[in-house]
């Protein structure tokens, strides 16, 4: 199997993100995997750990258009997609595009938007297009939604439906910083997202994304991946398993992970390491499996059981 030379710009991106989010190499790595896999990212964690900073920093490092959307209960679908305004002088309607017409859309606290408003992103996230007034309009390429939410606060929030969760390539957590990392934060020894400069152009990003498609996947690894998907549908602690879209997401994310490591081929660890962030938000668990645990923790345990029971190809 051939080895790829690591793309220098990806190392630069990783280094810049690591200066914003100290000591969170795993979160930074998963964010980059999602970026080059052409996926959408859900960052779910408690307030104040850097969810918005990570999302904003990644968007600023790519030389594309960036829009931030602060989700609230009074936000309307037109505030995301855009609206048609009548111009009497021309006797016609003029469409004013909303923030979704950007390369990167940061939907902050997405679960504070109503289900009607959340649904405005379904077509955009799935098909890279929106439909307004009987017209279908393509979104910029590349297009990525980065959403944040706080899993512990339920008052005034609207949980994302399974159909929308399934459109996120992966869900990640950041976690609290260590003592030394928090000391550096207090002393202002971190890089602010506003001070970042683009390191990667949109065309260069699309070229890297096309390289992901060229990563070789052995048929035995395809069988292994499918066995994991099928086990989520038959596990006793799961009432809704991973969809075919979820299987495609793990396949694509594993290819991106291999490319990030400079390999032109997949190994089992690429699949195993990404199973939790790609699958956990797609599972609906039984009351017994989730009893006494947050959904993310309970889903992690179920996926770890599935990984332990599946035979790994040599």
C-alpha atoms as a PDB file:
ATOM      1  CA  UNK A   1       0.000   0.000   0.000  1.00  0.00           C
ATOM      2  CA  UNK A   2       1.302   3.433  -0.867  1.00  0.00           C
ATOM      3  CA  UNK A   3       1.811   6.226   1.641  1.00  0.00           C
ATOM      4  CA  UNK A   4       0.734   9.809   0.988  1.00  0.00           C
ATOM      5  CA  UNK A   5       2.812  12.799   1.921  1.00  0.00           C
ATOM      6  CA  UNK A   6       0.930  14.743   4.574  1.00  0.00           C
ATOM      7  CA  UNK A   7      -0.560  17.917   3.163  1.00  0.00           C
ATOM      8  CA  UNK A   8       1.393  20.724   4.893  1.00  0.00           C
ATOM      9  CA  UNK A   9      -1.616  23.021   5.065  1.00  0.00           C
ATOM     10  CA  UNK A  10      -3.538  20.463   7.139  1.00  0.00           C
ATOM     11  CA  UNK A  11      -0.729  20.464   9.698  1.00  0.00           C
ATOM     12  CA  UNK A  12      -0.857  24.278   9.712  1.00  0.00           C
ATOM     13  CA  UNK A  13      -4.604  24.199  10.271  1.00  0.00           C
ATOM     14  CA  UNK A  14      -4.193  21.763  13.139  1.00  0.00           C
ATOM     15  CA  UNK A  15      -1.494  23.919  14.699  1.00  0.00           C
ATOM     16  CA  UNK A  16      -3.576  27.087  14.479  1.00  0.00           C
ATOM     17  CA  UNK A  17      -6.665  25.438  15.968  1.00  0.00           C
ATOM     18  CA  UNK A  18      -4.566  23.984  18.778  1.00  0.00           C
ATOM     19  CA  UNK A  19      -3.504  27.495  19.762  1.00  0.00           C
ATOM     20  CA  UNK A  20      -7.143  28.498  20.147  1.00  0.00           C
ATOM     21  CA  UNK A  21      -8.217  25.316  21.958  1.00  0.00           C
ATOM     22  CA  UNK A  22      -5.299  24.356  24.182  1.00  0.00           C
ATOM     23  CA  UNK A  23      -4.795  20.676  24.924  1.00  0.00           C
ATOM     24  CA  UNK A  24      -7.811  19.485  22.932  1.00  0.00           C
ATOM     25  CA  UNK A  25      -6.023  17.615  20.154  1.00  0.00           C
ATOM     26  CA  UNK A  26      -8.811  15.072  19.688  1.00  0.00           C
ATOM     27  CA  UNK A  27     -11.500  17.726  19.211  1.00  0.00           C
ATOM     28  CA  UNK A  28      -9.237  19.600  16.786  1.00  0.00           C
ATOM     29  CA  UNK A  29      -8.491  16.445  14.825  1.00  0.00           C
ATOM     30  CA  UNK A  30     -12.141  15.440  14.545  1.00  0.00           C
ATOM     31  CA  UNK A  31     -13.039  18.947  13.380  1.00  0.00           C
ATOM     32  CA  UNK A  32     -10.493  18.703  10.570  1.00  0.00           C
ATOM     33  CA  UNK A  33     -11.696  15.218   9.633  1.00  0.00           C
ATOM     34  CA  UNK A  34     -15.232  16.600   9.341  1.00  0.00           C
ATOM     35  CA  UNK A  35     -13.988  19.513   7.234  1.00  0.00           C
ATOM     36  CA  UNK A  36     -12.168  17.457   4.616  1.00  0.00           C
ATOM     37  CA  UNK A  37     -14.902  14.790   4.615  1.00  0.00           C
ATOM     38  CA  UNK A  38     -17.437  17.412   3.444  1.00  0.00           C
ATOM     39  CA  UNK A  39     -19.524  16.887   6.564  1.00  0.00           C
ATOM     40  CA  UNK A  40     -21.471  18.997   9.034  1.00  0.00           C
ATOM     41  CA  UNK A  41     -20.361  19.171  12.650  1.00  0.00           C
ATOM     42  CA  UNK A  42     -22.350  19.256  15.900  1.00  0.00           C
ATOM     43  CA  UNK A  43     -20.367  20.425  18.940  1.00  0.00           C
ATOM     44  CA  UNK A  44     -22.209  19.499  22.112  1.00  0.00           C
ATOM     45  CA  UNK A  45     -20.872  20.455  25.530  1.00  0.00           C
ATOM     46  CA  UNK A  46     -21.435  22.625  28.587  1.00  0.00           C
ATOM     47  CA  UNK A  47     -21.115  26.417  28.252  1.00  0.00           C
ATOM     48  CA  UNK A  48     -17.753  28.125  28.252  1.00  0.00           C
ATOM     49  CA  UNK A  49     -15.451  25.332  27.077  1.00  0.00           C
ATOM     50  CA  UNK A  50     -14.754  26.791  23.638  1.00  0.00           C
ATOM     51  CA  UNK A  51     -17.461  25.367  21.348  1.00  0.00           C
ATOM     52  CA  UNK A  52     -18.089  28.630  19.530  1.00  0.00           C
ATOM     53  CA  UNK A  53     -14.380  29.535  19.456  1.00  0.00           C
ATOM     54  CA  UNK A  54     -13.498  26.226  17.795  1.00  0.00           C
ATOM     55  CA  UNK A  55     -16.249  26.588  15.195  1.00  0.00           C
ATOM     56  CA  UNK A  56     -15.449  30.217  14.427  1.00  0.00           C
ATOM     57  CA  UNK A  57     -11.698  29.553  14.265  1.00  0.00           C
ATOM     58  CA  UNK A  58     -12.043  26.693  11.796  1.00  0.00           C
ATOM     59  CA  UNK A  59     -14.288  28.798   9.569  1.00  0.00           C
ATOM     60  CA  UNK A  60     -11.884  31.748   9.654  1.00  0.00           C
ATOM     61  CA  UNK A  61      -8.918  29.574   8.668  1.00  0.00           C
ATOM     62  CA  UNK A  62     -10.528  28.816   5.301  1.00  0.00           C
ATOM     63  CA  UNK A  63     -10.720  31.744   2.894  1.00  0.00           C
ATOM     64  CA  UNK A  64     -14.456  31.522   2.296  1.00  0.00           C
ATOM     65  CA  UNK A  65     -17.570  33.366   3.370  1.00  0.00           C
ATOM     66  CA  UNK A  66     -18.566  32.954   7.010  1.00  0.00           C
ATOM     67  CA  UNK A  67     -21.861  33.759   8.738  1.00  0.00           C
ATOM     68  CA  UNK A  68     -22.833  33.339  12.359  1.00  0.00           C
ATOM     69  CA  UNK A  69     -26.432  32.664  13.353  1.00  0.00           C
ATOM     70  CA  UNK A  70     -27.456  33.061  16.991  1.00  0.00           C
ATOM     71  CA  UNK A  71     -30.419  30.741  17.333  1.00  0.00           C
ATOM     72  CA  UNK A  72     -33.325  31.954  19.473  1.00  0.00           C
ATOM     73  CA  UNK A  73     -36.949  30.942  19.898  1.00  0.00           C
ATOM     74  CA  UNK A  74     -38.161  33.861  17.758  1.00  0.00           C
ATOM     75  CA  UNK A  75     -35.888  33.049  14.815  1.00  0.00           C
ATOM     76  CA  UNK A  76     -37.836  32.361  11.606  1.00  0.00           C
ATOM     77  CA  UNK A  77     -36.973  30.140   8.611  1.00  0.00           C
ATOM     78  CA  UNK A  78     -36.680  33.268   6.461  1.00  0.00           C
ATOM     79  CA  UNK A  79     -33.988  34.552   8.825  1.00  0.00           C
ATOM     80  CA  UNK A  80     -31.866  31.584   7.723  1.00  0.00           C
ATOM     81  CA  UNK A  81     -32.776  31.019   4.075  1.00  0.00           C
ATOM     82  CA  UNK A  82     -33.744  34.536   3.043  1.00  0.00           C
ATOM     83  CA  UNK A  83     -36.904  36.307   1.906  1.00  0.00           C
ATOM     84  CA  UNK A  84     -38.430  37.752  -1.261  1.00  0.00           C
ATOM     85  CA  UNK A  85     -39.152  41.483  -1.086  1.00  0.00           C
ATOM     86  CA  UNK A  86     -41.499  43.237  -3.492  1.00  0.00           C
ATOM     87  CA  UNK A  87     -39.924  46.167  -5.386  1.00  0.00           C
ATOM     88  CA  UNK A  88     -42.785  48.422  -6.604  1.00  0.00           C
ATOM     89  CA  UNK A  89     -40.505  50.434  -8.877  1.00  0.00           C
ATOM     90  CA  UNK A  90     -39.662  47.275 -10.821  1.00  0.00           C
ATOM     91  CA  UNK A  91     -42.982  45.540 -10.121  1.00  0.00           C
ATOM     92  CA  UNK A  92     -41.202  42.337  -9.188  1.00  0.00           C
ATOM     93  CA  UNK A  93     -39.962  40.403  -6.169  1.00  0.00           C
ATOM     94  CA  UNK A  94     -36.295  40.494  -5.268  1.00  0.00           C
ATOM     95  CA  UNK A  95     -34.788  37.654  -3.276  1.00  0.00           C
ATOM     96  CA  UNK A  96     -32.511  38.622  -0.421  1.00  0.00           C
ATOM     97  CA  UNK A  97     -30.371  35.612   0.554  1.00  0.00           C
ATOM     98  CA  UNK A  98     -30.031  34.692   4.208  1.00  0.00           C
ATOM     99  CA  UNK A  99     -26.908  33.619   6.106  1.00  0.00           C
ATOM    100  CA  UNK A 100     -27.186  30.049   4.800  1.00  0.00           C
ATOM    101  CA  UNK A 101     -25.663  31.327   1.535  1.00  0.00           C
ATOM    102  CA  UNK A 102     -22.120  31.102   2.894  1.00  0.00           C
ATOM    103  CA  UNK A 103     -19.315  28.573   2.821  1.00  0.00           C
ATOM    104  CA  UNK A 104     -19.475  28.219   6.594  1.00  0.00           C
ATOM    105  CA  UNK A 105     -22.569  28.720   8.721  1.00  0.00           C
ATOM    106  CA  UNK A 106     -22.158  28.722  12.495  1.00  0.00           C
ATOM    107  CA  UNK A 107     -25.519  27.949  14.122  1.00  0.00           C
ATOM    108  CA  UNK A 108     -24.868  28.819  17.755  1.00  0.00           C
ATOM    109  CA  UNK A 109     -27.146  27.078  20.291  1.00  0.00           C
ATOM    110  CA  UNK A 110     -29.111  25.423  17.507  1.00  0.00           C
ATOM    111  CA  UNK A 111     -31.503  23.717  19.927  1.00  0.00           C
ATOM    112  CA  UNK A 112     -32.881  27.125  20.981  1.00  0.00           C
ATOM    113  CA  UNK A 113     -34.505  27.513  17.562  1.00  0.00           C
ATOM    114  CA  UNK A 114     -38.012  26.121  17.093  1.00  0.00           C
ATOM    115  CA  UNK A 115     -38.529  22.890  15.109  1.00  0.00           C
ATOM    116  CA  UNK A 116     -39.981  24.909  12.207  1.00  0.00           C
ATOM    117  CA  UNK A 117     -36.819  27.016  12.043  1.00  0.00           C
ATOM    118  CA  UNK A 118     -34.517  24.023  12.517  1.00  0.00           C
ATOM    119  CA  UNK A 119     -36.190  22.332   9.550  1.00  0.00           C
ATOM    120  CA  UNK A 120     -35.073  25.205   7.316  1.00  0.00           C
ATOM    121  CA  UNK A 121     -31.609  23.632   7.384  1.00  0.00           C
ATOM    122  CA  UNK A 122     -32.674  20.099   6.417  1.00  0.00           C
ATOM    123  CA  UNK A 123     -32.526  20.534   2.635  1.00  0.00           C
ATOM    124  CA  UNK A 124     -29.404  22.693   2.864  1.00  0.00           C
ATOM    125  CA  UNK A 125     -27.484  20.129   4.925  1.00  0.00           C
ATOM    126  CA  UNK A 126     -28.565  17.173   2.841  1.00  0.00           C
ATOM    127  CA  UNK A 127     -28.508  18.509  -0.725  1.00  0.00           C
ATOM    128  CA  UNK A 128     -26.450  21.736  -0.597  1.00  0.00           C
ATOM    129  CA  UNK A 129     -29.410  23.711  -1.925  1.00  0.00           C
ATOM    130  CA  UNK A 130     -32.516  25.526  -0.712  1.00  0.00           C
ATOM    131  CA  UNK A 131     -35.983  25.959  -2.199  1.00  0.00           C
ATOM    132  CA  UNK A 132     -37.707  29.344  -1.978  1.00  0.00           C
ATOM    133  CA  UNK A 133     -40.885  30.459  -3.755  1.00  0.00           C
ATOM    134  CA  UNK A 134     -40.814  27.485  -6.086  1.00  0.00           C
ATOM    135  CA  UNK A 135     -37.170  28.026  -7.036  1.00  0.00           C
ATOM    136  CA  UNK A 136     -34.231  25.812  -6.125  1.00  0.00           C
ATOM    137  CA  UNK A 137     -30.973  27.639  -5.516  1.00  0.00           C
ATOM    138  CA  UNK A 138     -27.580  25.993  -4.990  1.00  0.00           C
ATOM    139  CA  UNK A 139     -25.483  26.924  -1.990  1.00  0.00           C
ATOM    140  CA  UNK A 140     -21.794  27.909  -2.195  1.00  0.00           C
ATOM    141  CA  UNK A 141     -19.266  25.126  -2.594  1.00  0.00           C
ATOM    142  CA  UNK A 142     -17.862  24.130  -0.143  1.00  0.00           C
ATOM    143  CA  UNK A 143     -20.731  24.392   2.324  1.00  0.00           C
ATOM    144  CA  UNK A 144     -20.517  23.375   5.989  1.00  0.00           C
ATOM    145  CA  UNK A 145     -22.818  23.833   8.969  1.00  0.00           C
ATOM    146  CA  UNK A 146     -21.148  23.950  12.373  1.00  0.00           C
ATOM    147  CA  UNK A 147     -23.739  23.854  15.155  1.00  0.00           C
ATOM    148  CA  UNK A 148     -23.318  24.101  18.918  1.00  0.00           C
ATOM    149  CA  UNK A 149     -25.646  23.136  21.728  1.00  0.00           C
ATOM    150  CA  UNK A 150     -25.640  22.689  25.502  1.00  0.00           C
ATOM    151  CA  UNK A 151     -26.879  19.174  26.398  1.00  0.00           C
ATOM    152  CA  UNK A 152     -27.523  19.933  30.072  1.00  0.00           C
ATOM    153  CA  UNK A 153     -29.942  22.852  29.736  1.00  0.00           C
ATOM    154  CA  UNK A 154     -33.434  21.868  28.612  1.00  0.00           C
ATOM    155  CA  UNK A 155     -35.574  24.903  29.519  1.00  0.00           C
ATOM    156  CA  UNK A 156     -36.433  26.928  26.439  1.00  0.00           C
ATOM    157  CA  UNK A 157     -34.824  24.443  24.048  1.00  0.00           C
ATOM    158  CA  UNK A 158     -36.141  22.158  21.314  1.00  0.00           C
ATOM    159  CA  UNK A 159     -34.241  18.850  20.921  1.00  0.00           C
ATOM    160  CA  UNK A 160     -33.070  18.193  17.380  1.00  0.00           C
ATOM    161  CA  UNK A 161     -35.140  15.474  15.647  1.00  0.00           C
ATOM    162  CA  UNK A 162     -33.455  12.301  14.422  1.00  0.00           C
ATOM    163  CA  UNK A 163     -33.791  13.428  10.800  1.00  0.00           C
ATOM    164  CA  UNK A 164     -31.666  16.483  11.511  1.00  0.00           C
ATOM    165  CA  UNK A 165     -29.157  14.732  13.771  1.00  0.00           C
ATOM    166  CA  UNK A 166     -28.588  12.219  10.978  1.00  0.00           C
ATOM    167  CA  UNK A 167     -27.408  15.026   8.713  1.00  0.00           C
ATOM    168  CA  UNK A 168     -24.468  15.857  10.984  1.00  0.00           C
ATOM    169  CA  UNK A 169     -21.446  13.803  10.024  1.00  0.00           C
ATOM    170  CA  UNK A 170     -20.324  13.672  13.639  1.00  0.00           C
ATOM    171  CA  UNK A 171     -20.976  14.991  17.109  1.00  0.00           C
ATOM    172  CA  UNK A 172     -18.019  15.907  19.292  1.00  0.00           C
ATOM    173  CA  UNK A 173     -17.373  17.082  22.834  1.00  0.00           C
ATOM    174  CA  UNK A 174     -14.590  19.325  24.086  1.00  0.00           C
ATOM    175  CA  UNK A 175     -14.538  18.898  27.861  1.00  0.00           C
ATOM    176  CA  UNK A 176     -13.022  20.994  30.621  1.00  0.00           C
ATOM    177  CA  UNK A 177      -9.385  22.101  30.319  1.00  0.00           C
ATOM    178  CA  UNK A 178      -6.656  20.783  32.596  1.00  0.00           C
ATOM    179  CA  UNK A 179      -5.193  22.918  35.394  1.00  0.00           C
ATOM    180  CA  UNK A 180      -2.271  24.100  33.256  1.00  0.00           C
ATOM    181  CA  UNK A 181      -4.472  24.762  30.241  1.00  0.00           C
ATOM    182  CA  UNK A 182      -6.912  26.808  32.307  1.00  0.00           C
ATOM    183  CA  UNK A 183      -4.012  28.766  33.776  1.00  0.00           C
ATOM    184  CA  UNK A 184      -2.898  29.661  30.248  1.00  0.00           C
ATOM    185  CA  UNK A 185      -6.460  30.702  29.390  1.00  0.00           C
ATOM    186  CA  UNK A 186      -6.625  32.969  32.452  1.00  0.00           C
ATOM    187  CA  UNK A 187      -3.308  34.556  31.511  1.00  0.00           C
ATOM    188  CA  UNK A 188      -4.515  35.238  27.969  1.00  0.00           C
ATOM    189  CA  UNK A 189      -2.006  32.844  26.389  1.00  0.00           C
ATOM    190  CA  UNK A 190      -4.423  31.623  23.750  1.00  0.00           C
ATOM    191  CA  UNK A 191      -5.028  32.830  20.231  1.00  0.00           C
ATOM    192  CA  UNK A 192      -8.308  34.657  19.669  1.00  0.00           C
ATOM    193  CA  UNK A 193     -10.380  33.487  16.662  1.00  0.00           C
ATOM    194  CA  UNK A 194     -10.609  37.085  15.421  1.00  0.00           C
ATOM    195  CA  UNK A 195      -6.821  37.197  14.980  1.00  0.00           C
ATOM    196  CA  UNK A 196      -6.666  34.185  12.686  1.00  0.00           C
ATOM    197  CA  UNK A 197      -5.868  34.586   9.007  1.00  0.00           C
ATOM    198  CA  UNK A 198      -6.969  32.183   6.247  1.00  0.00           C
ATOM    199  CA  UNK A 199      -4.514  29.364   5.566  1.00  0.00           C
ATOM    200  CA  UNK A 200      -6.537  27.535   2.945  1.00  0.00           C
ATOM    201  CA  UNK A 201      -8.558  28.666  -0.057  1.00  0.00           C
ATOM    202  CA  UNK A 202     -11.869  27.138  -1.078  1.00  0.00           C
ATOM    203  CA  UNK A 203     -10.459  25.633  -4.260  1.00  0.00           C
ATOM    204  CA  UNK A 204      -7.561  24.082  -2.344  1.00  0.00           C
ATOM    205  CA  UNK A 205     -10.011  22.685   0.199  1.00  0.00           C
ATOM    206  CA  UNK A 206     -12.128  21.130  -2.558  1.00  0.00           C
ATOM    207  CA  UNK A 207      -9.000  19.535  -4.029  1.00  0.00           C
ATOM    208  CA  UNK A 208      -8.217  17.934  -0.651  1.00  0.00           C
ATOM    209  CA  UNK A 209     -11.819  16.768  -0.350  1.00  0.00           C
ATOM    210  CA  UNK A 210     -11.526  15.093  -3.748  1.00  0.00           C
ATOM    211  CA  UNK A 211      -8.384  13.301  -2.525  1.00  0.00           C
ATOM    212  CA  UNK A 212     -10.454  11.727   0.232  1.00  0.00           C
ATOM    213  CA  UNK A 213     -12.409   9.850  -2.443  1.00  0.00           C
ATOM    214  CA  UNK A 214      -9.172   8.230  -3.635  1.00  0.00           C
ATOM    215  CA  UNK A 215      -8.331   6.596  -0.283  1.00  0.00           C
ATOM    216  CA  UNK A 216      -8.472   2.824  -0.829  1.00  0.00           C
ATOM    217  CA  UNK A 217     -10.876   0.783   1.302  1.00  0.00           C
ATOM    218  CA  UNK A 218     -10.316  -2.988   1.372  1.00  0.00           C
ATOM    219  CA  UNK A 219     -13.482  -5.086   0.870  1.00  0.00           C
ATOM    220  CA  UNK A 220     -12.896  -6.761   4.249  1.00  0.00           C
ATOM    221  CA  UNK A 221     -13.029  -3.344   5.915  1.00  0.00           C
ATOM    222  CA  UNK A 222     -16.280  -2.555   4.118  1.00  0.00           C
ATOM    223  CA  UNK A 223     -17.700  -5.796   5.541  1.00  0.00           C
ATOM    224  CA  UNK A 224     -16.417  -4.834   9.002  1.00  0.00           C
ATOM    225  CA  UNK A 225     -17.991  -1.388   8.797  1.00  0.00           C
ATOM    226  CA  UNK A 226     -21.320  -2.835   7.666  1.00  0.00           C
ATOM    227  CA  UNK A 227     -21.250  -5.330  10.524  1.00  0.00           C
ATOM    228  CA  UNK A 228     -20.994  -2.428  12.987  1.00  0.00           C
ATOM    229  CA  UNK A 229     -23.926  -0.673  11.330  1.00  0.00           C
ATOM    230  CA  UNK A 230     -26.048  -3.822  11.418  1.00  0.00           C
ATOM    231  CA  UNK A 231     -25.214  -4.496  15.081  1.00  0.00           C
ATOM    232  CA  UNK A 232     -26.554  -1.067  16.048  1.00  0.00           C
ATOM    233  CA  UNK A 233     -29.912  -2.155  14.633  1.00  0.00           C
ATOM    234  CA  UNK A 234     -30.054  -5.418  16.605  1.00  0.00           C
ATOM    235  CA  UNK A 235     -28.442  -4.382  19.913  1.00  0.00           C
ATOM    236  CA  UNK A 236     -30.804  -4.909  22.834  1.00  0.00           C
ATOM    237  CA  UNK A 237     -30.195  -1.399  24.155  1.00  0.00           C
ATOM    238  CA  UNK A 238     -31.078   0.357  20.877  1.00  0.00           C
ATOM    239  CA  UNK A 239     -34.544   1.145  19.535  1.00  0.00           C
ATOM    240  CA  UNK A 240     -33.358   3.073  16.455  1.00  0.00           C
ATOM    241  CA  UNK A 241     -30.073   2.036  14.865  1.00  0.00           C
ATOM    242  CA  UNK A 242     -27.754   3.698  12.394  1.00  0.00           C
ATOM    243  CA  UNK A 243     -29.233   4.559   8.989  1.00  0.00           C
ATOM    244  CA  UNK A 244     -27.520   3.964   5.624  1.00  0.00           C
ATOM    245  CA  UNK A 245     -26.566   7.645   5.723  1.00  0.00           C
ATOM    246  CA  UNK A 246     -24.768   6.923   8.997  1.00  0.00           C
ATOM    247  CA  UNK A 247     -22.834   4.073   7.388  1.00  0.00           C
ATOM    248  CA  UNK A 248     -21.833   6.355   4.533  1.00  0.00           C
ATOM    249  CA  UNK A 249     -20.752   8.973   7.082  1.00  0.00           C
ATOM    250  CA  UNK A 250     -18.407   6.557   8.866  1.00  0.00           C
ATOM    251  CA  UNK A 251     -16.984   5.350   5.547  1.00  0.00           C
ATOM    252  CA  UNK A 252     -16.258   8.905   4.422  1.00  0.00           C
ATOM    253  CA  UNK A 253     -14.929  10.046   7.799  1.00  0.00           C
ATOM    254  CA  UNK A 254     -12.584   7.053   7.989  1.00  0.00           C
ATOM    255  CA  UNK A 255     -11.199   7.903   4.540  1.00  0.00           C
ATOM    256  CA  UNK A 256     -10.647  11.509   5.668  1.00  0.00           C
ATOM    257  CA  UNK A 257      -8.893  10.325   8.827  1.00  0.00           C
ATOM    258  CA  UNK A 258      -6.530   8.163   6.788  1.00  0.00           C
ATOM    259  CA  UNK A 259      -5.732  11.080   4.475  1.00  0.00           C
ATOM    260  CA  UNK A 260      -5.082  13.327   7.479  1.00  0.00           C
ATOM    261  CA  UNK A 261      -2.497  10.764   8.627  1.00  0.00           C
ATOM    262  CA  UNK A 262      -0.898  10.700   5.185  1.00  0.00           C
ATOM    263  CA  UNK A 263      -2.175   7.259   4.181  1.00  0.00           C
ATOM    264  CA  UNK A 264      -3.820   6.287   0.909  1.00  0.00           C
ATOM    265  CA  UNK A 265      -5.526   3.282   2.482  1.00  0.00           C
ATOM    266  CA  UNK A 266      -7.791   2.482   5.412  1.00  0.00           C
ATOM    267  CA  UNK A 267      -6.883   0.464   8.502  1.00  0.00           C
ATOM    268  CA  UNK A 268      -9.352  -0.891  11.106  1.00  0.00           C
ATOM    269  CA  UNK A 269      -8.394   1.784  13.633  1.00  0.00           C
ATOM    270  CA  UNK A 270      -9.692   4.496  11.280  1.00  0.00           C
ATOM    271  CA  UNK A 271     -13.148   2.972  11.633  1.00  0.00           C
ATOM    272  CA  UNK A 272     -12.936   2.087  15.331  1.00  0.00           C
ATOM    273  CA  UNK A 273     -11.732   5.531  16.423  1.00  0.00           C
ATOM    274  CA  UNK A 274     -14.546   7.319  14.597  1.00  0.00           C
ATOM    275  CA  UNK A 275     -17.432   4.994  15.454  1.00  0.00           C
ATOM    276  CA  UNK A 276     -18.418   6.925  18.599  1.00  0.00           C
ATOM    277  CA  UNK A 277     -18.415  10.495  17.168  1.00  0.00           C
ATOM    278  CA  UNK A 278     -20.162   9.349  13.969  1.00  0.00           C
ATOM    279  CA  UNK A 279     -22.706   6.938  15.486  1.00  0.00           C
ATOM    280  CA  UNK A 280     -23.523   8.198  18.996  1.00  0.00           C
ATOM    281  CA  UNK A 281     -25.958  10.962  18.032  1.00  0.00           C
ATOM    282  CA  UNK A 282     -27.731   8.671  15.575  1.00  0.00           C
ATOM    283  CA  UNK A 283     -28.809   6.073  18.144  1.00  0.00           C
ATOM    284  CA  UNK A 284     -32.091   6.078  20.046  1.00  0.00           C
ATOM    285  CA  UNK A 285     -31.642   4.022  23.182  1.00  0.00           C
ATOM    286  CA  UNK A 286     -34.011   2.051  25.346  1.00  0.00           C
ATOM    287  CA  UNK A 287     -34.941   3.429  28.752  1.00  0.00           C
ATOM    288  CA  UNK A 288     -32.914   0.676  30.388  1.00  0.00           C
ATOM    289  CA  UNK A 289     -29.752   1.445  28.402  1.00  0.00           C
ATOM    290  CA  UNK A 290     -29.942   5.171  29.073  1.00  0.00           C
ATOM    291  CA  UNK A 291     -31.110   4.982  32.697  1.00  0.00           C
ATOM    292  CA  UNK A 292     -28.954   7.138  34.962  1.00  0.00           C
ATOM    293  CA  UNK A 293     -26.700   8.364  32.139  1.00  0.00           C
ATOM    294  CA  UNK A 294     -26.617  11.252  29.711  1.00  0.00           C
ATOM    295  CA  UNK A 295     -27.421  10.142  26.158  1.00  0.00           C
ATOM    296  CA  UNK A 296     -23.852  10.697  24.930  1.00  0.00           C
ATOM    297  CA  UNK A 297     -22.361   8.558  27.703  1.00  0.00           C
ATOM    298  CA  UNK A 298     -24.929   5.797  27.295  1.00  0.00           C
ATOM    299  CA  UNK A 299     -24.500   5.745  23.502  1.00  0.00           C
ATOM    300  CA  UNK A 300     -20.728   5.557  23.923  1.00  0.00           C
ATOM    301  CA  UNK A 301     -21.065   2.459  26.110  1.00  0.00           C
ATOM    302  CA  UNK A 302     -23.357   0.771  23.596  1.00  0.00           C
ATOM    303  CA  UNK A 303     -20.986   1.496  20.702  1.00  0.00           C
ATOM    304  CA  UNK A 304     -17.999   0.248  22.699  1.00  0.00           C
ATOM    305  CA  UNK A 305     -19.897  -2.995  23.336  1.00  0.00           C
ATOM    306  CA  UNK A 306     -20.587  -3.318  19.612  1.00  0.00           C
ATOM    307  CA  UNK A 307     -16.922  -2.676  18.747  1.00  0.00           C
ATOM    308  CA  UNK A 308     -15.799  -5.281  21.277  1.00  0.00           C
ATOM    309  CA  UNK A 309     -18.171  -7.907  19.859  1.00  0.00           C
ATOM    310  CA  UNK A 310     -17.314  -7.410  16.172  1.00  0.00           C
ATOM    311  CA  UNK A 311     -14.491  -9.393  14.578  1.00  0.00           C
ATOM    312  CA  UNK A 312     -11.755  -7.062  13.310  1.00  0.00           C
ATOM    313  CA  UNK A 313     -10.261  -8.057   9.943  1.00  0.00           C
ATOM    314  CA  UNK A 314      -6.556  -8.846   9.886  1.00  0.00           C
END
